[in-house]
Amino acid sequence: MFKEIYYFCHDIYQNKKLLIQFSVNDFKSRYAGSLLGIFWAFANPLVTVLTYWFVFDIGLKAPLTDGKYPFILFLLTGMVPWFYFSDVLGSATNVFREYSYLVKKVVFNIRILPTSKLLSNLIMHSFFILVALVVSVAFGIYPNWHFLQLFYYMFALMCFLTGLTWFTASIQPFFPDVNQFIAIIMQALMWGTPVLWSINQFSNPTVQFVLKLNPLFYVVQGYRDAFFGGSWFWENPTLSLYFWIVTLLLLVLGSNIFKRLKPHFSDVL
């Protein structure tokens, strides 16, 4: 059952130099045709954050958080993992169609293609982590030892995305409408994940339980704990266990779907 996951890890190690080169080229080519180039990679997410901040904090003054931290900082620390998740899911889902000329090459190991999207988006992800860190310091909230667990939550998110994108990328060549389906789900998921709000706003334990079933809750809350010096990840054993069970199931499902559909990719691409 876990054989495909082992092969994947082995392929990543064997092709690590090629994978890094692929990731760098992917990031460069994404904005190569525009006049301002890489500027757009940074501008769009920053405008999104500032828009949400202005509308909900300045305009509506909506009490979406518990007021413990400035809303702009609370928003930014939630948007950092969300941007990475949405960007990777969107780009990796189309990766086999985008690199169809490689899919048809028997000698090329296409198993590593979704991972190239994870790595190429890490460049932007690292930039926004730095922005959030600067804003945090500007508000007098300095990183402590808890900040180190950011690497754990980043790794957890990458594992979750690996399983998920194996599945979505494998079925996309056969069901192109999956992109539209993902777009709709992402709109609902954005509001069902504690990016703009705090779970402490809900006093009903049942509501909190349902919201915590979303695996992204674990990651987003973990990022905030890393920035704000909250709890360590091992202090939430139930949530940690649940997240990794879901992630493992996704990895098994995604790897097996990929294995079954891979021989037919060249027929539809």
C-alpha atoms as a PDB file:
ATOM      1  CA  MET A   1       0.000   0.000   0.000  1.00  0.00           C
ATOM      2  CA  PHE A   2       2.875   2.368   0.762  1.00  0.00           C
ATOM      3  CA  LYS A   3       5.137   1.125  -2.036  1.00  0.00           C
ATOM      4  CA  GLU A   4       4.264   4.015  -4.362  1.00  0.00           C
ATOM      5  CA  ILE A   5       5.050   6.547  -1.634  1.00  0.00           C
ATOM      6  CA  TYR A   6       8.458   4.936  -1.153  1.00  0.00           C
ATOM      7  CA  TYR A   7       9.122   5.071  -4.904  1.00  0.00           C
ATOM      8  CA  PHE A   8       8.124   8.720  -4.926  1.00  0.00           C
ATOM      9  CA  CYS A   9      10.578   9.614  -2.150  1.00  0.00           C
ATOM     10  CA  HIS A  10      13.271   7.630  -3.936  1.00  0.00           C
ATOM     11  CA  ASP A  11      12.577   9.441  -7.222  1.00  0.00           C
ATOM     12  CA  ILE A  12      12.733  12.821  -5.513  1.00  0.00           C
ATOM     13  CA  TYR A  13      16.157  12.000  -4.103  1.00  0.00           C
ATOM     14  CA  GLN A  14      17.439  10.555  -7.382  1.00  0.00           C
ATOM     15  CA  ASN A  15      16.252  13.554  -9.409  1.00  0.00           C
ATOM     16  CA  LYS A  16      16.830  16.324  -6.871  1.00  0.00           C
ATOM     17  CA  LYS A  17      19.065  18.442  -9.159  1.00  0.00           C
ATOM     18  CA  LEU A  18      16.637  18.176 -12.062  1.00  0.00           C
ATOM     19  CA  LEU A  19      13.741  18.966  -9.751  1.00  0.00           C
ATOM     20  CA  ILE A  20      15.394  22.123  -8.434  1.00  0.00           C
ATOM     21  CA  GLN A  21      16.188  23.272 -11.973  1.00  0.00           C
ATOM     22  CA  PHE A  22      12.615  22.600 -13.032  1.00  0.00           C
ATOM     23  CA  SER A  23      11.275  24.605 -10.109  1.00  0.00           C
ATOM     24  CA  VAL A  24      13.487  27.624 -10.794  1.00  0.00           C
ATOM     25  CA  ASN A  25      12.624  27.607 -14.499  1.00  0.00           C
ATOM     26  CA  ASP A  26       8.934  27.295 -13.695  1.00  0.00           C
ATOM     27  CA  PHE A  27       9.041  30.344 -11.436  1.00  0.00           C
ATOM     28  CA  LYS A  28      10.943  32.407 -14.024  1.00  0.00           C
ATOM     29  CA  SER A  29       8.750  31.409 -16.960  1.00  0.00           C
ATOM     30  CA  ARG A  30       5.506  32.208 -15.149  1.00  0.00           C
ATOM     31  CA  TYR A  31       5.987  35.964 -15.627  1.00  0.00           C
ATOM     32  CA  ALA A  32       8.514  35.976 -18.467  1.00  0.00           C
ATOM     33  CA  GLY A  33       6.049  37.364 -21.018  1.00  0.00           C
ATOM     34  CA  SER A  34       4.889  40.395 -18.995  1.00  0.00           C
ATOM     35  CA  LEU A  35       6.486  43.834 -18.981  1.00  0.00           C
ATOM     36  CA  LEU A  36       6.984  44.053 -15.218  1.00  0.00           C
ATOM     37  CA  GLY A  37       7.823  40.368 -14.903  1.00  0.00           C
ATOM     38  CA  ILE A  38       8.192  39.018 -11.388  1.00  0.00           C
ATOM     39  CA  PHE A  39       6.640  42.185  -9.904  1.00  0.00           C
ATOM     40  CA  TRP A  40       3.180  40.687 -10.497  1.00  0.00           C
ATOM     41  CA  ALA A  41       4.043  37.638  -8.419  1.00  0.00           C
ATOM     42  CA  PHE A  42       4.364  39.892  -5.364  1.00  0.00           C
ATOM     43  CA  ALA A  43       1.801  42.564  -6.223  1.00  0.00           C
ATOM     44  CA  ASN A  44      -1.333  40.432  -6.534  1.00  0.00           C
ATOM     45  CA  PRO A  45      -1.159  38.739  -3.087  1.00  0.00           C
ATOM     46  CA  LEU A  46      -0.184  41.997  -1.370  1.00  0.00           C
ATOM     47  CA  VAL A  47      -3.158  43.823  -2.908  1.00  0.00           C
ATOM     48  CA  THR A  48      -5.439  40.971  -1.805  1.00  0.00           C
ATOM     49  CA  VAL A  49      -4.242  41.219   1.803  1.00  0.00           C
ATOM     50  CA  LEU A  50      -4.570  45.010   1.849  1.00  0.00           C
ATOM     51  CA  THR A  51      -8.075  44.811   0.348  1.00  0.00           C
ATOM     52  CA  TYR A  52      -9.315  42.367   2.997  1.00  0.00           C
ATOM     53  CA  TRP A  53      -7.691  44.460   5.724  1.00  0.00           C
ATOM     54  CA  PHE A  54      -9.290  47.698   4.489  1.00  0.00           C
ATOM     55  CA  VAL A  55     -12.760  46.200   3.980  1.00  0.00           C
ATOM     56  CA  PHE A  56     -13.062  44.191   7.185  1.00  0.00           C
ATOM     57  CA  ASP A  57     -10.941  46.168   9.633  1.00  0.00           C
ATOM     58  CA  ILE A  58     -11.128  49.770   8.448  1.00  0.00           C
ATOM     59  CA  GLY A  59     -14.455  49.784   6.618  1.00  0.00           C
ATOM     60  CA  LEU A  60     -16.778  47.305   8.308  1.00  0.00           C
ATOM     61  CA  LYS A  61     -14.824  47.044  11.590  1.00  0.00           C
ATOM     62  CA  ALA A  62     -16.031  43.465  11.735  1.00  0.00           C
ATOM     63  CA  PRO A  63     -15.053  41.628  14.936  1.00  0.00           C
ATOM     64  CA  LEU A  64     -13.638  38.564  13.154  1.00  0.00           C
ATOM     65  CA  THR A  65     -10.906  37.875  15.704  1.00  0.00           C
ATOM     66  CA  ASP A  66     -10.640  37.816  19.466  1.00  0.00           C
ATOM     67  CA  GLY A  67      -8.782  41.146  19.432  1.00  0.00           C
ATOM     68  CA  LYS A  68      -5.614  39.709  20.912  1.00  0.00           C
ATOM     69  CA  TYR A  69      -3.534  40.700  17.883  1.00  0.00           C
ATOM     70  CA  PRO A  70      -3.872  43.464  15.252  1.00  0.00           C
ATOM     71  CA  PHE A  71      -6.194  42.332  12.477  1.00  0.00           C
ATOM     72  CA  ILE A  72      -3.670  43.015   9.695  1.00  0.00           C
ATOM     73  CA  LEU A  73      -1.166  40.725  11.391  1.00  0.00           C
ATOM     74  CA  PHE A  74      -3.777  38.079  12.152  1.00  0.00           C
ATOM     75  CA  LEU A  75      -4.910  38.231   8.521  1.00  0.00           C
ATOM     76  CA  LEU A  76      -1.409  38.104   7.099  1.00  0.00           C
ATOM     77  CA  THR A  77      -0.336  35.059   9.119  1.00  0.00           C
ATOM     78  CA  GLY A  78      -3.430  33.237   7.887  1.00  0.00           C
ATOM     79  CA  MET A  79      -3.020  34.292   4.274  1.00  0.00           C
ATOM     80  CA  VAL A  80       0.611  33.099   4.102  1.00  0.00           C
ATOM     81  CA  PRO A  81      -0.229  29.361   4.175  1.00  0.00           C
ATOM     82  CA  TRP A  82      -3.483  29.934   2.255  1.00  0.00           C
ATOM     83  CA  PHE A  83      -1.707  31.594  -0.680  1.00  0.00           C
ATOM     84  CA  TYR A  84       0.752  28.714  -0.844  1.00  0.00           C
ATOM     85  CA  PHE A  85      -2.015  26.118  -0.719  1.00  0.00           C
ATOM     86  CA  SER A  86      -4.153  27.763  -3.400  1.00  0.00           C
ATOM     87  CA  ASP A  87      -1.236  28.531  -5.727  1.00  0.00           C
ATOM     88  CA  VAL A  88       0.188  25.007  -5.552  1.00  0.00           C
ATOM     89  CA  LEU A  89      -3.195  23.323  -5.956  1.00  0.00           C
ATOM     90  CA  GLY A  90      -4.079  25.468  -8.957  1.00  0.00           C
ATOM     91  CA  SER A  91      -0.767  25.062 -10.769  1.00  0.00           C
ATOM     92  CA  ALA A  92      -0.023  21.433  -9.883  1.00  0.00           C
ATOM     93  CA  THR A  93      -3.464  20.247 -10.983  1.00  0.00           C
ATOM     94  CA  ASN A  94      -2.600  21.284 -14.555  1.00  0.00           C
ATOM     95  CA  VAL A  95       1.011  20.117 -14.472  1.00  0.00           C
ATOM     96  CA  PHE A  96       0.632  17.036 -16.696  1.00  0.00           C
ATOM     97  CA  ARG A  97      -1.247  19.012 -19.331  1.00  0.00           C
ATOM     98  CA  GLU A  98       1.260  21.860 -19.093  1.00  0.00           C
ATOM     99  CA  TYR A  99       4.186  19.480 -19.576  1.00  0.00           C
ATOM    100  CA  SER A 100       2.419  17.145 -21.985  1.00  0.00           C
ATOM    101  CA  TYR A 101       5.536  16.973 -24.162  1.00  0.00           C
ATOM    102  CA  LEU A 102       7.361  15.383 -21.210  1.00  0.00           C
ATOM    103  CA  VAL A 103       4.486  13.076 -20.345  1.00  0.00           C
ATOM    104  CA  LYS A 104       4.851  11.474 -23.776  1.00  0.00           C
ATOM    105  CA  LYS A 105       8.553  10.826 -23.256  1.00  0.00           C
ATOM    106  CA  VAL A 106       9.008   7.318 -21.912  1.00  0.00           C
ATOM    107  CA  VAL A 107      12.415   8.109 -20.412  1.00  0.00           C
ATOM    108  CA  PHE A 108      11.191  11.024 -18.273  1.00  0.00           C
ATOM    109  CA  ASN A 109       9.880  10.311 -14.779  1.00  0.00           C
ATOM    110  CA  ILE A 110       6.742  12.454 -14.646  1.00  0.00           C
ATOM    111  CA  ARG A 111       6.126  11.478 -11.035  1.00  0.00           C
ATOM    112  CA  ILE A 112       8.237  14.465  -9.926  1.00  0.00           C
ATOM    113  CA  LEU A 113       6.287  17.099 -11.906  1.00  0.00           C
ATOM    114  CA  PRO A 114       3.708  17.987  -9.201  1.00  0.00           C
ATOM    115  CA  THR A 115       6.560  18.379  -6.711  1.00  0.00           C
ATOM    116  CA  SER A 116       8.209  20.947  -8.984  1.00  0.00           C
ATOM    117  CA  LYS A 117       5.161  23.178  -8.424  1.00  0.00           C
ATOM    118  CA  LEU A 118       5.486  22.791  -4.658  1.00  0.00           C
ATOM    119  CA  LEU A 119       9.102  23.913  -4.809  1.00  0.00           C
ATOM    120  CA  SER A 120       8.649  26.758  -7.301  1.00  0.00           C
ATOM    121  CA  ASN A 121       5.903  28.275  -5.145  1.00  0.00           C
ATOM    122  CA  LEU A 122       8.174  28.070  -2.098  1.00  0.00           C
ATOM    123  CA  ILE A 123       9.978  31.160  -3.404  1.00  0.00           C
ATOM    124  CA  MET A 124       6.882  33.310  -3.028  1.00  0.00           C
ATOM    125  CA  HIS A 125       5.949  31.526   0.174  1.00  0.00           C
ATOM    126  CA  SER A 126       9.299  32.395   1.735  1.00  0.00           C
ATOM    127  CA  PHE A 127       8.868  36.030   0.703  1.00  0.00           C
ATOM    128  CA  PHE A 128       5.487  36.332   2.424  1.00  0.00           C
ATOM    129  CA  ILE A 129       6.799  34.612   5.539  1.00  0.00           C
ATOM    130  CA  LEU A 130       9.437  37.349   5.631  1.00  0.00           C
ATOM    131  CA  VAL A 131       6.771  40.046   5.121  1.00  0.00           C
ATOM    132  CA  ALA A 132       4.673  38.607   7.961  1.00  0.00           C
ATOM    133  CA  LEU A 133       7.757  38.502  10.172  1.00  0.00           C
ATOM    134  CA  VAL A 134       8.574  42.147   9.446  1.00  0.00           C
ATOM    135  CA  VAL A 135       4.976  43.251  10.144  1.00  0.00           C
ATOM    136  CA  SER A 136       4.987  41.196  13.347  1.00  0.00           C
ATOM    137  CA  VAL A 137       8.152  42.910  14.589  1.00  0.00           C
ATOM    138  CA  ALA A 138       6.715  46.300  13.600  1.00  0.00           C
ATOM    139  CA  PHE A 139       3.809  45.634  15.993  1.00  0.00           C
ATOM    140  CA  GLY A 140       6.211  44.637  18.766  1.00  0.00           C
ATOM    141  CA  ILE A 141       5.663  40.872  18.471  1.00  0.00           C
ATOM    142  CA  TYR A 142       9.074  39.253  18.196  1.00  0.00           C
ATOM    143  CA  PRO A 143       9.709  35.628  17.155  1.00  0.00           C
ATOM    144  CA  ASN A 144      10.755  33.160  19.841  1.00  0.00           C
ATOM    145  CA  TRP A 145      11.602  29.465  19.842  1.00  0.00           C
ATOM    146  CA  HIS A 146       8.058  28.652  18.725  1.00  0.00           C
ATOM    147  CA  PHE A 147       8.882  30.148  15.342  1.00  0.00           C
ATOM    148  CA  LEU A 148      11.029  27.096  14.548  1.00  0.00           C
ATOM    149  CA  GLN A 149       7.924  24.926  14.299  1.00  0.00           C
ATOM    150  CA  LEU A 150       6.996  26.903  11.196  1.00  0.00           C
ATOM    151  CA  PHE A 151       9.225  24.463   9.305  1.00  0.00           C
ATOM    152  CA  TYR A 152       7.216  21.551  10.691  1.00  0.00           C
ATOM    153  CA  TYR A 153       3.912  23.063   9.565  1.00  0.00           C
ATOM    154  CA  MET A 154       5.413  23.951   6.181  1.00  0.00           C
ATOM    155  CA  PHE A 155       6.486  20.322   5.764  1.00  0.00           C
ATOM    156  CA  ALA A 156       3.033  19.145   6.874  1.00  0.00           C
ATOM    157  CA  LEU A 157       1.344  21.386   4.300  1.00  0.00           C
ATOM    158  CA  MET A 158       3.667  20.140   1.556  1.00  0.00           C
ATOM    159  CA  CYS A 159       2.890  16.504   2.407  1.00  0.00           C
ATOM    160  CA  PHE A 160      -0.843  17.238   2.362  1.00  0.00           C
ATOM    161  CA  LEU A 161      -0.528  19.015  -0.980  1.00  0.00           C
ATOM    162  CA  THR A 162       1.542  16.184  -2.432  1.00  0.00           C
ATOM    163  CA  GLY A 163      -1.229  13.654  -1.872  1.00  0.00           C
ATOM    164  CA  LEU A 164      -3.944  16.067  -2.977  1.00  0.00           C
ATOM    165  CA  THR A 165      -2.193  17.180  -6.187  1.00  0.00           C
ATOM    166  CA  TRP A 166      -1.278  13.616  -7.116  1.00  0.00           C
ATOM    167  CA  PHE A 167      -5.005  12.980  -7.199  1.00  0.00           C
ATOM    168  CA  THR A 168      -6.151  16.189  -8.921  1.00  0.00           C
ATOM    169  CA  ALA A 169      -3.294  16.207 -11.458  1.00  0.00           C
ATOM    170  CA  SER A 170      -3.914  12.552 -12.349  1.00  0.00           C
ATOM    171  CA  ILE A 171      -7.623  12.988 -13.083  1.00  0.00           C
ATOM    172  CA  GLN A 172      -7.356  16.402 -14.773  1.00  0.00           C
ATOM    173  CA  PRO A 173      -6.332  15.042 -18.213  1.00  0.00           C
ATOM    174  CA  PHE A 174      -9.487  12.897 -18.241  1.00  0.00           C
ATOM    175  CA  PHE A 175     -11.822  15.388 -16.529  1.00  0.00           C
ATOM    176  CA  PRO A 176     -10.804  18.974 -17.476  1.00  0.00           C
ATOM    177  CA  ASP A 177     -13.799  20.289 -15.518  1.00  0.00           C
ATOM    178  CA  VAL A 178     -11.943  19.469 -12.317  1.00  0.00           C
ATOM    179  CA  ASN A 179     -10.376  22.936 -12.554  1.00  0.00           C
ATOM    180  CA  GLN A 180     -13.785  24.598 -12.358  1.00  0.00           C
ATOM    181  CA  PHE A 181     -14.790  22.313  -9.525  1.00  0.00           C
ATOM    182  CA  ILE A 182     -11.643  23.241  -7.583  1.00  0.00           C
ATOM    183  CA  ALA A 183     -12.296  26.952  -8.170  1.00  0.00           C
ATOM    184  CA  ILE A 184     -15.751  26.642  -6.612  1.00  0.00           C
ATOM    185  CA  ILE A 185     -14.490  24.562  -3.689  1.00  0.00           C
ATOM    186  CA  MET A 186     -11.704  27.068  -3.042  1.00  0.00           C
ATOM    187  CA  GLN A 187     -14.204  29.899  -2.638  1.00  0.00           C
ATOM    188  CA  ALA A 188     -16.095  27.988   0.033  1.00  0.00           C
ATOM    189  CA  LEU A 189     -12.914  26.654   1.641  1.00  0.00           C
ATOM    190  CA  MET A 190     -11.496  30.164   1.953  1.00  0.00           C
ATOM    191  CA  TRP A 191     -14.319  31.084   4.325  1.00  0.00           C
ATOM    192  CA  GLY A 192     -14.336  27.694   6.029  1.00  0.00           C
ATOM    193  CA  THR A 193     -10.680  28.008   7.007  1.00  0.00           C
ATOM    194  CA  PRO A 194      -9.642  30.383   9.846  1.00  0.00           C
ATOM    195  CA  VAL A 195      -7.858  32.813   7.544  1.00  0.00           C
ATOM    196  CA  LEU A 196     -10.065  35.832   8.253  1.00  0.00           C
ATOM    197  CA  TRP A 197     -11.589  34.739  11.546  1.00  0.00           C
ATOM    198  CA  SER A 198     -10.665  33.117  14.826  1.00  0.00           C
ATOM    199  CA  ILE A 199     -12.291  29.892  15.957  1.00  0.00           C
ATOM    200  CA  ASN A 200     -12.686  31.514  19.381  1.00  0.00           C
ATOM    201  CA  GLN A 201     -15.510  33.549  17.844  1.00  0.00           C
ATOM    202  CA  PHE A 202     -17.631  30.388  17.977  1.00  0.00           C
ATOM    203  CA  SER A 203     -18.703  29.388  21.471  1.00  0.00           C
ATOM    204  CA  ASN A 204     -20.586  26.275  20.353  1.00  0.00           C
ATOM    205  CA  PRO A 205     -18.296  23.211  20.814  1.00  0.00           C
ATOM    206  CA  THR A 206     -20.054  21.352  17.995  1.00  0.00           C
ATOM    207  CA  VAL A 207     -19.345  24.171  15.543  1.00  0.00           C
ATOM    208  CA  GLN A 208     -15.708  24.254  16.622  1.00  0.00           C
ATOM    209  CA  PHE A 209     -15.437  20.479  16.195  1.00  0.00           C
ATOM    210  CA  VAL A 210     -16.825  20.637  12.650  1.00  0.00           C
ATOM    211  CA  LEU A 211     -14.505  23.490  11.690  1.00  0.00           C
ATOM    212  CA  LYS A 212     -11.492  21.571  12.988  1.00  0.00           C
ATOM    213  CA  LEU A 213     -12.292  18.700  10.610  1.00  0.00           C
ATOM    214  CA  ASN A 214     -10.848  20.885   7.871  1.00  0.00           C
ATOM    215  CA  PRO A 215      -7.156  19.783   7.659  1.00  0.00           C
ATOM    216  CA  LEU A 216      -6.162  23.331   6.723  1.00  0.00           C
ATOM    217  CA  PHE A 217      -7.317  24.488  10.155  1.00  0.00           C
ATOM    218  CA  TYR A 218      -4.386  22.584  11.649  1.00  0.00           C
ATOM    219  CA  VAL A 219      -1.883  24.243   9.317  1.00  0.00           C
ATOM    220  CA  VAL A 220      -3.212  27.811   9.502  1.00  0.00           C
ATOM    221  CA  GLN A 221      -3.509  27.668  13.285  1.00  0.00           C
ATOM    222  CA  GLY A 222      -0.012  26.177  13.392  1.00  0.00           C
ATOM    223  CA  TYR A 223       1.444  29.055  11.399  1.00  0.00           C
ATOM    224  CA  ARG A 224      -0.139  31.518  13.805  1.00  0.00           C
ATOM    225  CA  ASP A 225       1.205  29.603  16.808  1.00  0.00           C
ATOM    226  CA  ALA A 226       4.651  29.826  15.232  1.00  0.00           C
ATOM    227  CA  PHE A 227       4.421  33.589  14.701  1.00  0.00           C
ATOM    228  CA  PHE A 228       2.658  34.462  17.947  1.00  0.00           C
ATOM    229  CA  GLY A 229       4.422  32.031  20.267  1.00  0.00           C
ATOM    230  CA  GLY A 230       1.378  29.848  20.870  1.00  0.00           C
ATOM    231  CA  SER A 231       1.335  26.159  21.679  1.00  0.00           C
ATOM    232  CA  TRP A 232       3.787  23.598  20.293  1.00  0.00           C
ATOM    233  CA  PHE A 233       2.432  21.109  17.778  1.00  0.00           C
ATOM    234  CA  TRP A 234       2.895  18.189  20.185  1.00  0.00           C
ATOM    235  CA  GLU A 235       0.584  19.911  22.650  1.00  0.00           C
ATOM    236  CA  ASN A 236      -2.305  19.165  20.264  1.00  0.00           C
ATOM    237  CA  PRO A 237      -1.891  15.391  19.808  1.00  0.00           C
ATOM    238  CA  THR A 238      -5.472  14.744  18.680  1.00  0.00           C
ATOM    239  CA  LEU A 239      -5.366  17.366  15.925  1.00  0.00           C
ATOM    240  CA  SER A 240      -1.878  16.265  14.884  1.00  0.00           C
ATOM    241  CA  LEU A 241      -2.915  12.622  14.661  1.00  0.00           C
ATOM    242  CA  TYR A 242      -6.062  13.487  12.702  1.00  0.00           C
ATOM    243  CA  PHE A 243      -4.140  15.662  10.237  1.00  0.00           C
ATOM    244  CA  TRP A 244      -1.486  13.042   9.536  1.00  0.00           C
ATOM    245  CA  ILE A 245      -4.063  10.263   9.125  1.00  0.00           C
ATOM    246  CA  VAL A 246      -5.905  12.367   6.528  1.00  0.00           C
ATOM    247  CA  THR A 247      -2.598  13.246   4.838  1.00  0.00           C
ATOM    248  CA  LEU A 248      -1.464   9.622   4.753  1.00  0.00           C
ATOM    249  CA  LEU A 249      -4.786   8.547   3.256  1.00  0.00           C
ATOM    250  CA  LEU A 250      -4.438  11.248   0.602  1.00  0.00           C
ATOM    251  CA  LEU A 251      -0.894  10.111  -0.204  1.00  0.00           C
ATOM    252  CA  VAL A 252      -2.005   6.503  -0.589  1.00  0.00           C
ATOM    253  CA  LEU A 253      -5.060   7.467  -2.664  1.00  0.00           C
ATOM    254  CA  GLY A 254      -3.167   9.944  -4.826  1.00  0.00           C
ATOM    255  CA  SER A 255      -0.224   7.636  -5.511  1.00  0.00           C
ATOM    256  CA  ASN A 256      -2.462   4.722  -6.475  1.00  0.00           C
ATOM    257  CA  ILE A 257      -4.666   6.861  -8.713  1.00  0.00           C
ATOM    258  CA  PHE A 258      -1.520   8.147 -10.415  1.00  0.00           C
ATOM    259  CA  LYS A 259      -0.204   4.611 -10.894  1.00  0.00           C
ATOM    260  CA  ARG A 260      -3.464   3.414 -12.466  1.00  0.00           C
ATOM    261  CA  LEU A 261      -3.972   6.393 -14.789  1.00  0.00           C
ATOM    262  CA  LYS A 262      -0.372   7.106 -15.813  1.00  0.00           C
ATOM    263  CA  PRO A 263      -0.327   4.558 -18.714  1.00  0.00           C
ATOM    264  CA  HIS A 264      -3.264   6.403 -20.311  1.00  0.00           C
ATOM    265  CA  PHE A 265      -1.940   9.990 -20.041  1.00  0.00           C
ATOM    266  CA  SER A 266      -0.367   9.980 -23.500  1.00  0.00           C
ATOM    267  CA  ASP A 267      -3.720   8.986 -25.026  1.00  0.00           C
ATOM    268  CA  VAL A 268      -5.553  12.078 -23.823  1.00  0.00           C
ATOM    269  CA  LEU A 269      -2.819  14.724 -23.786  1.00  0.00           C
END
